[in-house]
Amino acid sequence: MADFQYPNNFEDLQDQVREAGLLECVPFRGIIEMVAIIASLIIVFATLKLWNPILLGLFLTLIFTRSVFVSHDVLHQQYFQSRKISMRLSYPFSAFILCNSPSWWIWKHNVNHHNWCNVPEKDEDIRALDGAFMPDNKGKSPFVKKHKQLIFWSALFFMYPAFIAKSFSYVIHWKKYGELALMLLHWVLIWGGQFSLFYPLLLLLLFF
């Protein structure tokens, strides 16, 4: 059986998207989002003793989730055209708030995923869970192949620790010590302050 060939439609699609103006930078929106996230973090830690752990966990989830989108958009240069400015702005939102390496994300997401979208040899996103989500479904595990619709949603829960592990591995291997320092600072400042206020079980509940 001949290997399935992926059609190369992405260049045409990108041209259509660019002509529609959807790739134009939106600096004003970016500034509003970044200021809102930083202000929210300041408010949280200025009033930390007043928070219920469950409500704090929900609010931090909102802050972290918005930081994910800001990191994604700023590293796609959606806010500012300058690659250098975009990279520097990603550090507080990606490395510090999320403990996620911007350099690793650019390599994994911008380069491999967007340049080689859905190409198995290049795009590691579709090789997850032993290839169970690839079009030809070549995964080795019969259990994963059979229950992949359910496993997909449960697997999303583990993306957070997986991204952190991948980020640490990347910055250590490539000696990105500035990013490493910010990623370590994430645990000292964001979680260390809460450790002194909440019982371990409450902190664990907040974390999950």
N, C-alpha and C. Protein backbone atom coordinates (compact mmCIF):
# COMPACT_ATOMS: atom_id res chain seq x y z
N MET A 1 0.85 -1.19 0.00
CA MET A 1 0.00 0.00 0.00
C MET A 1 0.89 1.25 0.00
N ALA A 2 0.59 2.19 -0.88
CA ALA A 2 1.38 3.42 -0.96
C ALA A 2 1.13 4.29 0.26
N ASP A 3 2.16 5.00 0.70
CA ASP A 3 2.01 5.91 1.83
C ASP A 3 1.08 7.06 1.46
N PHE A 4 0.28 7.46 2.45
CA PHE A 4 -0.63 8.58 2.23
C PHE A 4 0.17 9.88 2.09
N GLN A 5 -0.12 10.66 1.06
CA GLN A 5 0.58 11.91 0.84
C GLN A 5 -0.29 13.08 1.29
N TYR A 6 0.26 13.93 2.14
CA TYR A 6 -0.50 15.08 2.63
C TYR A 6 -0.47 16.19 1.58
N PRO A 7 -1.62 16.73 1.24
CA PRO A 7 -1.64 17.83 0.27
C PRO A 7 -1.03 19.09 0.90
N ASN A 8 -0.29 19.85 0.11
CA ASN A 8 0.35 21.07 0.60
C ASN A 8 -0.57 22.26 0.32
N ASN A 9 -1.58 22.42 1.20
CA ASN A 9 -2.55 23.49 1.01
C ASN A 9 -2.27 24.71 1.88
N PHE A 10 -1.27 24.62 2.75
CA PHE A 10 -1.12 25.64 3.78
C PHE A 10 -0.60 26.96 3.23
N GLU A 11 0.22 26.93 2.18
CA GLU A 11 0.72 28.19 1.62
C GLU A 11 -0.41 28.99 1.00
N ASP A 12 -1.30 28.32 0.28
CA ASP A 12 -2.45 29.00 -0.31
C ASP A 12 -3.36 29.56 0.78
N LEU A 13 -3.58 28.75 1.82
CA LEU A 13 -4.43 29.20 2.92
C LEU A 13 -3.82 30.40 3.62
N GLN A 14 -2.51 30.37 3.84
CA GLN A 14 -1.84 31.48 4.49
C GLN A 14 -1.97 32.76 3.67
N ASP A 15 -1.87 32.64 2.35
CA ASP A 15 -2.04 33.82 1.50
C ASP A 15 -3.44 34.41 1.65
N GLN A 16 -4.45 33.55 1.74
CA GLN A 16 -5.82 34.02 1.90
C GLN A 16 -6.02 34.71 3.25
N VAL A 17 -5.42 34.11 4.29
CA VAL A 17 -5.53 34.68 5.63
C VAL A 17 -4.85 36.04 5.68
N ARG A 18 -3.67 36.15 5.05
CA ARG A 18 -2.93 37.41 5.05
C ARG A 18 -3.70 38.48 4.28
N GLU A 19 -4.28 38.12 3.14
CA GLU A 19 -5.05 39.08 2.35
C GLU A 19 -6.28 39.58 3.10
N ALA A 20 -6.82 38.74 3.97
CA ALA A 20 -7.99 39.14 4.76
C ALA A 20 -7.62 40.03 5.95
N GLY A 21 -6.32 40.25 6.14
CA GLY A 21 -5.87 41.13 7.21
C GLY A 21 -5.81 40.46 8.57
N LEU A 22 -5.90 39.14 8.60
CA LEU A 22 -5.95 38.43 9.89
C LEU A 22 -4.57 38.24 10.50
N LEU A 23 -3.50 38.57 9.78
CA LEU A 23 -2.15 38.45 10.32
C LEU A 23 -1.56 39.80 10.72
N GLU A 24 -2.37 40.84 10.69
CA GLU A 24 -1.88 42.16 11.09
C GLU A 24 -1.69 42.20 12.60
N CYS A 25 -0.64 42.91 13.04
CA CYS A 25 -0.34 43.00 14.47
C CYS A 25 -1.42 43.79 15.20
N VAL A 26 -1.67 43.41 16.46
CA VAL A 26 -2.67 44.09 17.30
C VAL A 26 -2.01 44.49 18.62
N PRO A 27 -1.12 45.48 18.58
CA PRO A 27 -0.37 45.86 19.78
C PRO A 27 -1.26 46.36 20.92
N PHE A 28 -2.31 47.10 20.59
CA PHE A 28 -3.18 47.65 21.65
C PHE A 28 -3.84 46.53 22.45
N ARG A 29 -4.37 45.54 21.75
CA ARG A 29 -4.99 44.40 22.44
C ARG A 29 -3.97 43.65 23.28
N GLY A 30 -2.77 43.47 22.73
CA GLY A 30 -1.72 42.77 23.46
C GLY A 30 -1.33 43.49 24.74
N ILE A 31 -1.19 44.81 24.66
CA ILE A 31 -0.82 45.57 25.85
C ILE A 31 -1.89 45.46 26.92
N ILE A 32 -3.16 45.55 26.53
CA ILE A 32 -4.26 45.43 27.48
C ILE A 32 -4.22 44.07 28.18
N GLU A 33 -4.04 43.00 27.41
CA GLU A 33 -4.03 41.66 27.99
C GLU A 33 -2.84 41.47 28.94
N MET A 34 -1.67 41.95 28.54
CA MET A 34 -0.48 41.77 29.37
C MET A 34 -0.59 42.57 30.67
N VAL A 35 -1.07 43.80 30.57
CA VAL A 35 -1.25 44.63 31.78
C VAL A 35 -2.29 44.00 32.70
N ALA A 36 -3.37 43.48 32.14
CA ALA A 36 -4.42 42.86 32.95
C ALA A 36 -3.89 41.65 33.71
N ILE A 37 -3.05 40.84 33.07
CA ILE A 37 -2.50 39.65 33.74
C ILE A 37 -1.57 40.06 34.88
N ILE A 38 -0.68 41.00 34.61
CA ILE A 38 0.26 41.44 35.64
C ILE A 38 -0.48 42.09 36.80
N ALA A 39 -1.47 42.93 36.50
CA ALA A 39 -2.26 43.57 37.55
C ALA A 39 -3.00 42.53 38.39
N SER A 40 -3.53 41.50 37.74
CA SER A 40 -4.25 40.44 38.46
C SER A 40 -3.32 39.70 39.41
N LEU A 41 -2.11 39.40 38.95
CA LEU A 41 -1.14 38.72 39.82
C LEU A 41 -0.76 39.57 41.02
N ILE A 42 -0.56 40.86 40.79
CA ILE A 42 -0.21 41.76 41.88
C ILE A 42 -1.33 41.80 42.91
N ILE A 43 -2.58 41.89 42.43
CA ILE A 43 -3.73 41.92 43.34
C ILE A 43 -3.82 40.63 44.14
N VAL A 44 -3.61 39.49 43.47
CA VAL A 44 -3.68 38.20 44.15
C VAL A 44 -2.68 38.12 45.30
N PHE A 45 -1.45 38.47 45.03
CA PHE A 45 -0.42 38.29 46.05
C PHE A 45 -0.41 39.41 47.08
N ALA A 46 -1.04 40.53 46.76
CA ALA A 46 -1.19 41.59 47.76
C ALA A 46 -2.31 41.25 48.74
N THR A 47 -3.24 40.39 48.33
CA THR A 47 -4.38 40.03 49.19
C THR A 47 -4.41 38.53 49.47
N LEU A 48 -3.27 37.87 49.42
CA LEU A 48 -3.21 36.42 49.48
C LEU A 48 -3.86 35.85 50.73
N LYS A 49 -3.70 36.52 51.86
CA LYS A 49 -4.23 36.01 53.13
C LYS A 49 -5.76 36.02 53.18
N LEU A 50 -6.38 36.76 52.28
CA LEU A 50 -7.83 36.89 52.29
C LEU A 50 -8.54 35.86 51.43
N TRP A 51 -7.77 35.09 50.66
CA TRP A 51 -8.38 34.21 49.66
C TRP A 51 -8.78 32.86 50.26
N ASN A 52 -9.92 32.36 49.78
CA ASN A 52 -10.28 30.96 49.98
C ASN A 52 -9.47 30.14 48.97
N PRO A 53 -8.87 29.02 49.40
CA PRO A 53 -7.99 28.26 48.49
C PRO A 53 -8.67 27.83 47.18
N ILE A 54 -9.95 27.44 47.27
CA ILE A 54 -10.64 26.99 46.05
C ILE A 54 -10.83 28.16 45.09
N LEU A 55 -11.28 29.31 45.60
CA LEU A 55 -11.45 30.48 44.74
C LEU A 55 -10.12 30.97 44.20
N LEU A 56 -9.08 30.89 45.03
CA LEU A 56 -7.75 31.28 44.58
C LEU A 56 -7.28 30.38 43.44
N GLY A 57 -7.52 29.08 43.58
CA GLY A 57 -7.14 28.14 42.53
C GLY A 57 -7.85 28.43 41.22
N LEU A 58 -9.14 28.76 41.30
CA LEU A 58 -9.90 29.07 40.09
C LEU A 58 -9.40 30.36 39.43
N PHE A 59 -9.09 31.35 40.27
CA PHE A 59 -8.62 32.63 39.71
C PHE A 59 -7.22 32.48 39.11
N LEU A 60 -6.36 31.72 39.77
CA LEU A 60 -5.03 31.47 39.22
C LEU A 60 -5.13 30.69 37.91
N THR A 61 -6.10 29.78 37.82
CA THR A 61 -6.31 29.04 36.57
C THR A 61 -6.65 30.00 35.44
N LEU A 62 -7.49 30.99 35.75
CA LEU A 62 -7.84 32.00 34.74
C LEU A 62 -6.61 32.79 34.32
N ILE A 63 -5.78 33.19 35.29
CA ILE A 63 -4.57 33.95 34.98
C ILE A 63 -3.60 33.12 34.15
N PHE A 64 -3.40 31.85 34.55
CA PHE A 64 -2.48 30.98 33.82
C PHE A 64 -2.98 30.74 32.40
N THR A 65 -4.29 30.52 32.26
CA THR A 65 -4.85 30.25 30.94
C THR A 65 -4.68 31.44 30.01
N ARG A 66 -4.95 32.64 30.53
CA ARG A 66 -4.75 33.84 29.70
C ARG A 66 -3.28 34.02 29.37
N SER A 67 -2.40 33.65 30.30
CA SER A 67 -0.95 33.76 30.04
C SER A 67 -0.54 32.82 28.92
N VAL A 68 -1.19 31.65 28.84
CA VAL A 68 -0.92 30.71 27.74
C VAL A 68 -1.23 31.38 26.40
N PHE A 69 -2.38 32.01 26.31
CA PHE A 69 -2.78 32.64 25.05
C PHE A 69 -1.89 33.83 24.72
N VAL A 70 -1.52 34.62 25.75
CA VAL A 70 -0.63 35.75 25.52
C VAL A 70 0.73 35.25 25.03
N SER A 71 1.27 34.21 25.68
CA SER A 71 2.55 33.64 25.27
C SER A 71 2.49 33.14 23.83
N HIS A 72 1.41 32.44 23.52
CA HIS A 72 1.23 31.92 22.16
C HIS A 72 1.20 33.05 21.14
N ASP A 73 0.41 34.08 21.41
CA ASP A 73 0.23 35.15 20.44
C ASP A 73 1.46 36.03 20.31
N VAL A 74 2.11 36.33 21.44
CA VAL A 74 3.28 37.21 21.36
C VAL A 74 4.43 36.50 20.65
N LEU A 75 4.56 35.18 20.84
CA LEU A 75 5.62 34.43 20.16
C LEU A 75 5.31 34.21 18.68
N HIS A 76 4.06 34.38 18.30
CA HIS A 76 3.69 34.37 16.88
C HIS A 76 3.81 35.77 16.28
N GLN A 77 4.34 36.73 17.07
CA GLN A 77 4.46 38.13 16.65
C GLN A 77 3.11 38.71 16.23
N GLN A 78 2.09 38.29 16.96
CA GLN A 78 0.75 38.81 16.67
C GLN A 78 0.55 40.19 17.27
N TYR A 79 1.31 40.50 18.33
CA TYR A 79 1.19 41.82 18.96
C TYR A 79 2.16 42.83 18.35
N PHE A 80 3.42 42.41 18.22
CA PHE A 80 4.47 43.31 17.72
C PHE A 80 5.27 42.60 16.63
N GLN A 81 5.63 43.36 15.60
CA GLN A 81 6.33 42.78 14.46
C GLN A 81 7.75 42.37 14.81
N SER A 82 8.37 43.08 15.76
CA SER A 82 9.75 42.81 16.13
C SER A 82 9.89 41.46 16.82
N ARG A 83 10.73 40.60 16.26
CA ARG A 83 10.97 39.28 16.86
C ARG A 83 11.66 39.42 18.22
N LYS A 84 12.59 40.37 18.32
CA LYS A 84 13.33 40.55 19.57
C LYS A 84 12.41 41.03 20.70
N ILE A 85 11.57 42.02 20.41
CA ILE A 85 10.63 42.52 21.41
C ILE A 85 9.65 41.42 21.82
N SER A 86 9.16 40.68 20.86
CA SER A 86 8.21 39.61 21.15
C SER A 86 8.82 38.55 22.04
N MET A 87 10.06 38.19 21.76
CA MET A 87 10.73 37.18 22.57
C MET A 87 10.92 37.66 24.00
N ARG A 88 11.33 38.90 24.17
CA ARG A 88 11.55 39.43 25.51
C ARG A 88 10.25 39.54 26.29
N LEU A 89 9.17 39.91 25.61
CA LEU A 89 7.89 40.01 26.29
C LEU A 89 7.33 38.65 26.69
N SER A 90 7.81 37.61 26.03
CA SER A 90 7.30 36.27 26.36
C SER A 90 7.87 35.75 27.68
N TYR A 91 9.01 36.28 28.11
CA TYR A 91 9.67 35.74 29.30
C TYR A 91 8.80 35.81 30.56
N PRO A 92 8.21 36.96 30.91
CA PRO A 92 7.41 36.97 32.13
C PRO A 92 6.17 36.09 32.06
N PHE A 93 5.56 36.01 30.89
CA PHE A 93 4.29 35.27 30.78
C PHE A 93 4.50 33.78 30.57
N SER A 94 5.55 33.43 29.87
CA SER A 94 5.80 32.02 29.59
C SER A 94 6.73 31.40 30.64
N ALA A 95 7.94 31.93 30.76
CA ALA A 95 8.93 31.33 31.65
C ALA A 95 8.56 31.51 33.12
N PHE A 96 8.14 32.72 33.51
CA PHE A 96 7.87 32.99 34.92
C PHE A 96 6.48 32.53 35.36
N ILE A 97 5.44 33.00 34.72
CA ILE A 97 4.08 32.68 35.16
C ILE A 97 3.73 31.22 34.89
N LEU A 98 4.21 30.66 33.78
CA LEU A 98 3.81 29.30 33.39
C LEU A 98 4.89 28.25 33.60
N CYS A 99 6.12 28.68 33.87
CA CYS A 99 7.25 27.74 33.94
C CYS A 99 7.39 26.97 32.63
N ASN A 100 7.27 27.69 31.53
CA ASN A 100 7.34 27.10 30.20
C ASN A 100 8.39 27.85 29.38
N SER A 101 9.31 27.14 28.79
CA SER A 101 10.40 27.77 28.05
C SER A 101 9.92 28.35 26.72
N PRO A 102 10.06 29.68 26.52
CA PRO A 102 9.68 30.26 25.23
C PRO A 102 10.51 29.69 24.07
N SER A 103 11.80 29.45 24.32
CA SER A 103 12.67 28.92 23.26
C SER A 103 12.22 27.52 22.84
N TRP A 104 11.87 26.68 23.82
CA TRP A 104 11.38 25.35 23.49
C TRP A 104 10.07 25.44 22.73
N TRP A 105 9.19 26.35 23.16
CA TRP A 105 7.89 26.48 22.51
C TRP A 105 8.03 26.91 21.06
N ILE A 106 8.94 27.85 20.79
CA ILE A 106 9.16 28.28 19.41
C ILE A 106 9.61 27.10 18.55
N TRP A 107 10.53 26.29 19.09
CA TRP A 107 11.02 25.14 18.33
C TRP A 107 9.91 24.10 18.12
N LYS A 108 9.16 23.81 19.18
CA LYS A 108 8.13 22.77 19.09
C LYS A 108 6.91 23.23 18.29
N HIS A 109 6.44 24.43 18.59
CA HIS A 109 5.15 24.86 18.04
C HIS A 109 5.29 25.67 16.75
N ASN A 110 6.08 26.75 16.81
CA ASN A 110 6.19 27.61 15.64
C ASN A 110 6.92 26.93 14.48
N VAL A 111 8.04 26.26 14.80
CA VAL A 111 8.86 25.66 13.73
C VAL A 111 8.29 24.31 13.30
N ASN A 112 8.26 23.35 14.24
CA ASN A 112 7.86 21.99 13.85
C ASN A 112 6.38 21.88 13.52
N HIS A 113 5.52 22.44 14.37
CA HIS A 113 4.09 22.25 14.15
C HIS A 113 3.57 23.08 12.98
N HIS A 114 3.88 24.37 12.95
CA HIS A 114 3.29 25.22 11.91
C HIS A 114 3.98 25.06 10.55
N ASN A 115 5.27 24.79 10.56
CA ASN A 115 5.96 24.60 9.27
C ASN A 115 5.70 23.22 8.68
N TRP A 116 5.43 22.24 9.57
CA TRP A 116 5.23 20.86 9.11
C TRP A 116 3.94 20.30 9.68
N CYS A 117 2.88 21.07 9.56
CA CYS A 117 1.61 20.71 10.21
C CYS A 117 1.08 19.36 9.70
N ASN A 118 0.87 18.44 10.64
CA ASN A 118 0.31 17.10 10.37
C ASN A 118 1.21 16.21 9.53
N VAL A 119 2.50 16.55 9.45
CA VAL A 119 3.47 15.66 8.81
C VAL A 119 4.11 14.82 9.92
N PRO A 120 3.84 13.51 9.96
CA PRO A 120 4.24 12.69 11.12
C PRO A 120 5.72 12.75 11.46
N GLU A 121 6.58 12.82 10.45
CA GLU A 121 8.01 12.81 10.71
C GLU A 121 8.50 14.11 11.37
N LYS A 122 7.72 15.17 11.27
CA LYS A 122 8.16 16.47 11.77
C LYS A 122 7.29 17.00 12.92
N ASP A 123 5.99 16.83 12.79
CA ASP A 123 5.05 17.42 13.74
C ASP A 123 4.78 16.44 14.89
N GLU A 124 5.48 16.64 16.01
CA GLU A 124 5.35 15.70 17.12
C GLU A 124 3.99 15.79 17.81
N ASP A 125 3.23 16.85 17.56
CA ASP A 125 1.92 16.99 18.19
C ASP A 125 0.98 15.83 17.83
N ILE A 126 1.08 15.34 16.60
CA ILE A 126 0.16 14.28 16.20
C ILE A 126 0.73 12.88 16.46
N ARG A 127 1.93 12.82 17.05
CA ARG A 127 2.50 11.52 17.39
C ARG A 127 2.23 11.16 18.85
N ALA A 128 1.41 11.95 19.52
CA ALA A 128 1.13 11.71 20.94
C ALA A 128 0.44 10.37 21.14
N LEU A 129 0.63 9.81 22.33
CA LEU A 129 0.02 8.53 22.70
C LEU A 129 0.28 7.46 21.66
N ASP A 130 1.55 7.34 21.30
CA ASP A 130 1.99 6.27 20.42
C ASP A 130 1.34 6.34 19.04
N GLY A 131 1.07 7.55 18.58
CA GLY A 131 0.52 7.72 17.23
C GLY A 131 -0.94 7.37 17.09
N ALA A 132 -1.67 7.32 18.20
CA ALA A 132 -3.07 6.91 18.13
C ALA A 132 -3.95 7.90 17.38
N PHE A 133 -3.49 9.15 17.24
CA PHE A 133 -4.31 10.16 16.60
C PHE A 133 -3.87 10.47 15.18
N MET A 134 -2.94 9.69 14.66
CA MET A 134 -2.52 9.87 13.28
C MET A 134 -3.58 9.29 12.35
N PRO A 135 -3.67 9.80 11.11
CA PRO A 135 -4.73 9.35 10.19
C PRO A 135 -4.75 7.85 9.96
N ASP A 136 -3.57 7.21 9.89
CA ASP A 136 -3.54 5.77 9.63
C ASP A 136 -3.67 4.96 10.91
N ASN A 137 -3.71 5.66 12.09
CA ASN A 137 -3.95 4.99 13.36
C ASN A 137 -2.97 3.84 13.59
N LYS A 138 -1.67 4.11 13.45
CA LYS A 138 -0.66 3.07 13.55
C LYS A 138 -0.17 2.82 14.98
N GLY A 139 -0.87 3.34 15.96
CA GLY A 139 -0.45 3.16 17.35
C GLY A 139 -0.29 1.69 17.70
N LYS A 140 0.71 1.38 18.50
CA LYS A 140 0.99 0.00 18.85
C LYS A 140 0.05 -0.56 19.90
N SER A 141 -0.55 0.31 20.72
CA SER A 141 -1.38 -0.16 21.81
C SER A 141 -2.83 -0.32 21.37
N PRO A 142 -3.37 -1.54 21.35
CA PRO A 142 -4.78 -1.74 20.98
C PRO A 142 -5.73 -1.01 21.92
N PHE A 143 -5.36 -0.94 23.22
CA PHE A 143 -6.22 -0.27 24.19
C PHE A 143 -6.35 1.22 23.87
N VAL A 144 -5.21 1.86 23.58
CA VAL A 144 -5.24 3.29 23.25
C VAL A 144 -6.02 3.52 21.97
N LYS A 145 -5.81 2.67 20.97
CA LYS A 145 -6.52 2.83 19.70
C LYS A 145 -8.02 2.71 19.88
N LYS A 146 -8.45 1.81 20.76
CA LYS A 146 -9.87 1.57 20.96
C LYS A 146 -10.54 2.69 21.75
N HIS A 147 -9.83 3.24 22.73
CA HIS A 147 -10.44 4.21 23.64
C HIS A 147 -9.86 5.61 23.49
N LYS A 148 -9.30 5.92 22.33
CA LYS A 148 -8.58 7.18 22.19
C LYS A 148 -9.48 8.41 22.36
N GLN A 149 -10.79 8.29 22.05
CA GLN A 149 -11.68 9.43 22.21
C GLN A 149 -11.77 9.87 23.68
N LEU A 150 -11.79 8.88 24.59
CA LEU A 150 -11.82 9.19 26.02
C LEU A 150 -10.44 9.55 26.54
N ILE A 151 -9.42 8.85 26.08
CA ILE A 151 -8.06 9.08 26.56
C ILE A 151 -7.58 10.47 26.18
N PHE A 152 -8.03 10.97 25.05
CA PHE A 152 -7.61 12.30 24.61
C PHE A 152 -7.89 13.35 25.68
N TRP A 153 -9.11 13.35 26.21
CA TRP A 153 -9.49 14.39 27.18
C TRP A 153 -8.75 14.21 28.50
N SER A 154 -8.59 12.99 28.95
CA SER A 154 -7.86 12.77 30.20
C SER A 154 -6.38 13.09 30.03
N ALA A 155 -5.84 12.86 28.82
CA ALA A 155 -4.42 13.13 28.58
C ALA A 155 -4.11 14.63 28.65
N LEU A 156 -5.10 15.47 28.35
CA LEU A 156 -4.89 16.91 28.41
C LEU A 156 -4.48 17.37 29.81
N PHE A 157 -4.95 16.64 30.83
CA PHE A 157 -4.61 16.99 32.20
C PHE A 157 -3.10 16.93 32.43
N PHE A 158 -2.43 16.05 31.69
CA PHE A 158 -0.99 15.84 31.90
C PHE A 158 -0.13 16.73 31.01
N MET A 159 -0.75 17.59 30.21
CA MET A 159 0.04 18.47 29.36
C MET A 159 0.85 19.46 30.19
N TYR A 160 0.26 19.93 31.29
CA TYR A 160 0.96 20.92 32.12
C TYR A 160 2.28 20.38 32.65
N PRO A 161 2.29 19.24 33.36
CA PRO A 161 3.59 18.71 33.82
C PRO A 161 4.49 18.28 32.67
N ALA A 162 3.91 17.80 31.56
CA ALA A 162 4.73 17.39 30.41
C ALA A 162 5.45 18.59 29.80
N PHE A 163 4.75 19.71 29.67
CA PHE A 163 5.36 20.92 29.11
C PHE A 163 6.47 21.42 30.03
N ILE A 164 6.25 21.35 31.34
CA ILE A 164 7.28 21.80 32.29
C ILE A 164 8.52 20.92 32.17
N ALA A 165 8.32 19.60 32.12
CA ALA A 165 9.46 18.67 32.02
C ALA A 165 10.22 18.91 30.72
N LYS A 166 9.49 19.07 29.60
CA LYS A 166 10.14 19.32 28.31
C LYS A 166 10.91 20.65 28.33
N SER A 167 10.31 21.66 28.98
CA SER A 167 10.95 22.97 29.05
C SER A 167 12.26 22.92 29.82
N PHE A 168 12.25 22.27 30.99
CA PHE A 168 13.47 22.15 31.77
C PHE A 168 14.54 21.38 31.01
N SER A 169 14.14 20.30 30.35
CA SER A 169 15.09 19.51 29.58
C SER A 169 15.73 20.35 28.47
N TYR A 170 14.91 21.16 27.81
CA TYR A 170 15.40 21.97 26.69
C TYR A 170 16.36 23.06 27.16
N VAL A 171 15.97 23.82 28.19
CA VAL A 171 16.81 24.95 28.61
C VAL A 171 18.13 24.48 29.22
N ILE A 172 18.10 23.32 29.88
CA ILE A 172 19.34 22.78 30.45
C ILE A 172 20.26 22.29 29.33
N HIS A 173 19.67 21.59 28.35
CA HIS A 173 20.48 21.06 27.24
C HIS A 173 21.11 22.19 26.43
N TRP A 174 20.34 23.25 26.16
CA TRP A 174 20.82 24.34 25.30
C TRP A 174 21.37 25.51 26.10
N LYS A 175 21.51 25.31 27.42
CA LYS A 175 22.13 26.32 28.30
C LYS A 175 21.42 27.67 28.24
N LYS A 176 20.09 27.63 28.29
CA LYS A 176 19.29 28.86 28.34
C LYS A 176 19.09 29.25 29.80
N TYR A 177 20.15 29.76 30.42
CA TYR A 177 20.16 29.94 31.86
C TYR A 177 19.23 31.07 32.33
N GLY A 178 19.00 32.08 31.48
CA GLY A 178 18.06 33.13 31.83
C GLY A 178 16.65 32.59 31.98
N GLU A 179 16.23 31.77 31.00
CA GLU A 179 14.91 31.15 31.07
C GLU A 179 14.84 30.18 32.25
N LEU A 180 15.91 29.45 32.48
CA LEU A 180 15.93 28.51 33.61
C LEU A 180 15.73 29.25 34.93
N ALA A 181 16.38 30.41 35.08
CA ALA A 181 16.24 31.19 36.31
C ALA A 181 14.80 31.64 36.51
N LEU A 182 14.15 32.10 35.44
CA LEU A 182 12.76 32.55 35.55
C LEU A 182 11.83 31.37 35.85
N MET A 183 12.11 30.21 35.27
CA MET A 183 11.28 29.03 35.51
C MET A 183 11.40 28.57 36.97
N LEU A 184 12.60 28.65 37.53
CA LEU A 184 12.78 28.31 38.94
C LEU A 184 12.12 29.35 39.84
N LEU A 185 12.18 30.61 39.41
CA LEU A 185 11.55 31.68 40.17
C LEU A 185 10.03 31.50 40.25
N HIS A 186 9.46 30.87 39.24
CA HIS A 186 8.03 30.55 39.24
C HIS A 186 7.65 29.78 40.50
N TRP A 187 8.44 28.77 40.84
CA TRP A 187 8.12 27.93 42.00
C TRP A 187 8.40 28.65 43.31
N VAL A 188 9.42 29.48 43.31
CA VAL A 188 9.78 30.19 44.55
C VAL A 188 8.76 31.27 44.89
N LEU A 189 8.37 32.08 43.90
CA LEU A 189 7.50 33.22 44.17
C LEU A 189 6.01 32.88 44.09
N ILE A 190 5.61 32.19 43.02
CA ILE A 190 4.18 31.94 42.84
C ILE A 190 3.66 30.87 43.80
N TRP A 191 4.42 29.79 43.99
CA TRP A 191 3.96 28.72 44.86
C TRP A 191 4.58 28.77 46.25
N GLY A 192 5.78 29.33 46.38
CA GLY A 192 6.42 29.40 47.69
C GLY A 192 5.66 30.25 48.68
N GLY A 193 5.15 31.40 48.22
CA GLY A 193 4.38 32.27 49.11
C GLY A 193 3.12 31.62 49.61
N GLN A 194 2.49 30.82 48.76
CA GLN A 194 1.26 30.14 49.17
C GLN A 194 1.55 28.97 50.12
N PHE A 195 2.72 28.38 49.97
CA PHE A 195 3.10 27.26 50.84
C PHE A 195 3.16 27.70 52.30
N SER A 196 3.53 28.97 52.53
CA SER A 196 3.63 29.46 53.89
C SER A 196 2.28 29.81 54.50
N LEU A 197 1.23 29.86 53.67
CA LEU A 197 -0.09 30.27 54.16
C LEU A 197 -1.08 29.12 54.29
N PHE A 198 -0.94 28.09 53.44
CA PHE A 198 -1.94 27.03 53.40
C PHE A 198 -1.34 25.70 53.87
N TYR A 199 -2.18 24.88 54.46
CA TYR A 199 -1.75 23.54 54.81
C TYR A 199 -1.39 22.78 53.54
N PRO A 200 -0.47 21.82 53.62
CA PRO A 200 -0.03 21.08 52.43
C PRO A 200 -1.18 20.50 51.61
N LEU A 201 -2.20 19.93 52.28
CA LEU A 201 -3.32 19.33 51.55
C LEU A 201 -4.13 20.40 50.80
N LEU A 202 -4.31 21.56 51.44
CA LEU A 202 -5.03 22.66 50.78
C LEU A 202 -4.24 23.17 49.59
N LEU A 203 -2.93 23.28 49.75
CA LEU A 203 -2.08 23.73 48.66
C LEU A 203 -2.10 22.75 47.49
N LEU A 204 -2.12 21.46 47.81
CA LEU A 204 -2.19 20.44 46.77
C LEU A 204 -3.52 20.54 46.02
N LEU A 205 -4.60 20.76 46.76
CA LEU A 205 -5.92 20.92 46.15
C LEU A 205 -5.93 22.14 45.26
N LEU A 206 -5.35 23.25 45.74
CA LEU A 206 -5.28 24.48 44.96
C LEU A 206 -4.50 24.23 43.68
N PHE A 207 -3.39 23.51 43.78
CA PHE A 207 -2.54 23.24 42.62
C PHE A 207 -3.30 22.45 41.57
N PHE A 208 -4.01 21.40 41.99
CA PHE A 208 -4.76 20.59 41.03
C PHE A 208 -5.92 21.36 40.44
